[in-house]
Protein backbone atom coordinates (compact mmCIF):
# COMPACT_ATOMS: atom_id res chain seq x y z
CA UNK A 1 60.44 94.96 114.62
CA UNK A 2 63.61 94.59 112.61
CA UNK A 3 65.26 97.77 111.35
CA UNK A 4 66.42 97.43 107.73
CA UNK A 5 69.51 99.06 106.30
CA UNK A 6 69.68 100.79 102.91
CA UNK A 7 70.86 97.68 101.03
CA UNK A 8 67.97 95.59 102.38
CA UNK A 9 65.47 98.33 101.56
CA UNK A 10 66.67 98.39 97.92
CA UNK A 11 65.70 94.75 97.32
CA UNK A 12 62.14 94.96 98.66
CA UNK A 13 59.51 94.37 95.99
CA UNK A 14 55.84 94.73 96.68
CA UNK A 15 52.51 95.92 95.49
CA UNK A 16 49.97 94.53 93.14
CA UNK A 17 50.64 94.01 89.47
CA UNK A 18 47.05 94.92 88.62
CA UNK A 19 45.86 98.18 90.05
CA UNK A 20 42.33 99.14 90.99
CA UNK A 21 42.15 101.47 88.01
CA UNK A 22 42.77 98.60 85.58
CA UNK A 23 40.17 96.41 87.26
CA UNK A 24 37.65 99.26 87.17
CA UNK A 25 38.30 99.79 83.44
CA UNK A 26 37.68 96.08 82.72
CA UNK A 27 34.45 96.07 84.68
CA UNK A 28 33.26 99.18 82.81
CA UNK A 29 34.02 97.49 79.48
CA UNK A 30 32.08 94.39 80.56
CA UNK A 31 29.12 96.56 81.62
CA UNK A 32 29.09 98.36 78.26
CA UNK A 33 29.22 95.07 76.33
CA UNK A 34 26.44 93.61 78.49
CA UNK A 35 24.22 96.65 77.96
CA UNK A 36 24.86 96.59 74.21
CA UNK A 37 23.97 92.90 74.08
CA UNK A 38 20.81 93.55 76.05
CA UNK A 39 19.77 96.33 73.65
CA UNK A 40 20.48 94.24 70.56
CA UNK A 41 18.61 91.25 72.00
CA UNK A 42 15.65 93.42 72.89
CA UNK A 43 15.59 94.91 69.38
CA UNK A 44 15.70 91.45 67.79
CA UNK A 45 12.85 90.26 70.00
CA UNK A 46 10.70 93.32 69.21
CA UNK A 47 11.30 92.90 65.47
CA UNK A 48 10.51 89.18 65.53
CA UNK A 49 7.29 89.77 67.49
CA UNK A 50 6.33 92.71 65.24
CA UNK A 51 6.05 94.89 68.33
CA UNK A 52 7.56 98.12 66.99
CA UNK A 53 6.43 101.66 67.68
CA UNK A 54 4.86 103.36 64.66
CA UNK A 55 6.97 106.05 63.00
CA UNK A 56 4.01 108.26 62.16
C-alpha cells in the first residue's frame, strides 16, 4: 500500500453526491403521493358506483 503525503491527501475527493438521507426523503415523498392517488382514485370509484356509507 502506498503511503500518501499531506499534499496528496489534500487533493483526494470522494464520497457520493447524493446521500442516503436524500434518497430516503424522495422515496417517502413518492410513497405519500402514491397513497394520496390511491385514496383519491378509490373515492372517485365509490362515488361513481354510488357505493357510499350513509351519514345517518
